[in-house]
Amino acid sequence: MFKKFLQISRGSCGEVRSMLYLARDLKYIDEIKVNGLLSDCMVLSKGIMS
């Protein structure tokens, strides 16, 4: 059960990354902010996997 929750959480983190790329491309958010948030997502994703 908990393993499934972690898989879903990691997938959601990937979806957030996708939306961040889209928001950047559409100029809704600046590059510096996107890079910081993407970095946070990567840290969270690695933490979920460990």
C-alpha atoms as a PDB file:
ATOM      1  CA  MET A   1       0.000   0.000   0.000  1.00  0.00           C
ATOM      2  CA  PHE A   2       2.709   2.473   0.984  1.00  0.00           C
ATOM      3  CA  LYS A   3       4.778   1.508  -2.077  1.00  0.00           C
ATOM      4  CA  LYS A   4       1.812   2.403  -4.305  1.00  0.00           C
ATOM      5  CA  PHE A   5       1.488   5.765  -2.562  1.00  0.00           C
ATOM      6  CA  LEU A   6       5.167   6.497  -3.257  1.00  0.00           C
ATOM      7  CA  GLN A   7       4.764   5.564  -6.916  1.00  0.00           C
ATOM      8  CA  ILE A   8       1.803   7.911  -7.242  1.00  0.00           C
ATOM      9  CA  SER A   9       3.725  10.674  -5.457  1.00  0.00           C
ATOM     10  CA  ARG A  10       6.670  10.315  -7.803  1.00  0.00           C
ATOM     11  CA  GLY A  11       4.346  10.436 -10.813  1.00  0.00           C
ATOM     12  CA  SER A  12       2.740  13.603  -9.483  1.00  0.00           C
ATOM     13  CA  CYS A  13       6.167  15.157  -9.089  1.00  0.00           C
ATOM     14  CA  GLY A  14       6.811  14.399 -12.767  1.00  0.00           C
ATOM     15  CA  GLU A  15       3.547  16.060 -13.714  1.00  0.00           C
ATOM     16  CA  VAL A  16       4.538  19.181 -11.794  1.00  0.00           C
ATOM     17  CA  ARG A  17       7.840  19.267 -13.680  1.00  0.00           C
ATOM     18  CA  SER A  18       5.964  19.043 -16.982  1.00  0.00           C
ATOM     19  CA  MET A  19       3.699  21.926 -16.010  1.00  0.00           C
ATOM     20  CA  LEU A  20       6.702  23.996 -14.944  1.00  0.00           C
ATOM     21  CA  TYR A  21       8.293  23.530 -18.366  1.00  0.00           C
ATOM     22  CA  LEU A  22       5.027  24.520 -20.019  1.00  0.00           C
ATOM     23  CA  ALA A  23       4.598  27.591 -17.800  1.00  0.00           C
ATOM     24  CA  ARG A  24       8.160  28.642 -18.632  1.00  0.00           C
ATOM     25  CA  ASP A  25       7.626  28.167 -22.366  1.00  0.00           C
ATOM     26  CA  LEU A  26       4.429  30.208 -22.227  1.00  0.00           C
ATOM     27  CA  LYS A  27       6.252  32.924 -20.236  1.00  0.00           C
ATOM     28  CA  TYR A  28       3.963  32.592 -17.196  1.00  0.00           C
ATOM     29  CA  ILE A  29       6.966  32.215 -14.904  1.00  0.00           C
ATOM     30  CA  ASP A  30      10.557  33.384 -15.256  1.00  0.00           C
ATOM     31  CA  GLU A  31      13.511  31.078 -15.874  1.00  0.00           C
ATOM     32  CA  ILE A  32      15.149  31.623 -12.483  1.00  0.00           C
ATOM     33  CA  LYS A  33      11.993  30.686 -10.567  1.00  0.00           C
ATOM     34  CA  VAL A  34      11.414  27.636 -12.787  1.00  0.00           C
ATOM     35  CA  ASN A  35      14.966  26.409 -12.255  1.00  0.00           C
ATOM     36  CA  GLY A  36      14.578  26.651  -8.488  1.00  0.00           C
ATOM     37  CA  LEU A  37      11.267  24.812  -8.517  1.00  0.00           C
ATOM     38  CA  LEU A  38      12.596  22.126 -10.868  1.00  0.00           C
ATOM     39  CA  SER A  39      15.524  21.623  -8.527  1.00  0.00           C
ATOM     40  CA  ASP A  40      13.106  21.210  -5.618  1.00  0.00           C
ATOM     41  CA  CYS A  41      11.120  18.647  -7.628  1.00  0.00           C
ATOM     42  CA  MET A  42      14.254  16.645  -8.357  1.00  0.00           C
ATOM     43  CA  VAL A  43      15.191  16.597  -4.672  1.00  0.00           C
ATOM     44  CA  LEU A  44      11.678  15.426  -3.757  1.00  0.00           C
ATOM     45  CA  SER A  45      11.683  12.752  -6.447  1.00  0.00           C
ATOM     46  CA  LYS A  46      15.045  11.407  -5.261  1.00  0.00           C
ATOM     47  CA  GLY A  47      13.794  11.414  -1.679  1.00  0.00           C
ATOM     48  CA  ILE A  48      10.700   9.463  -2.646  1.00  0.00           C
ATOM     49  CA  MET A  49      12.811   6.834  -4.376  1.00  0.00           C
ATOM     50  CA  SER A  50      15.209   6.356  -1.469  1.00  0.00           C
END
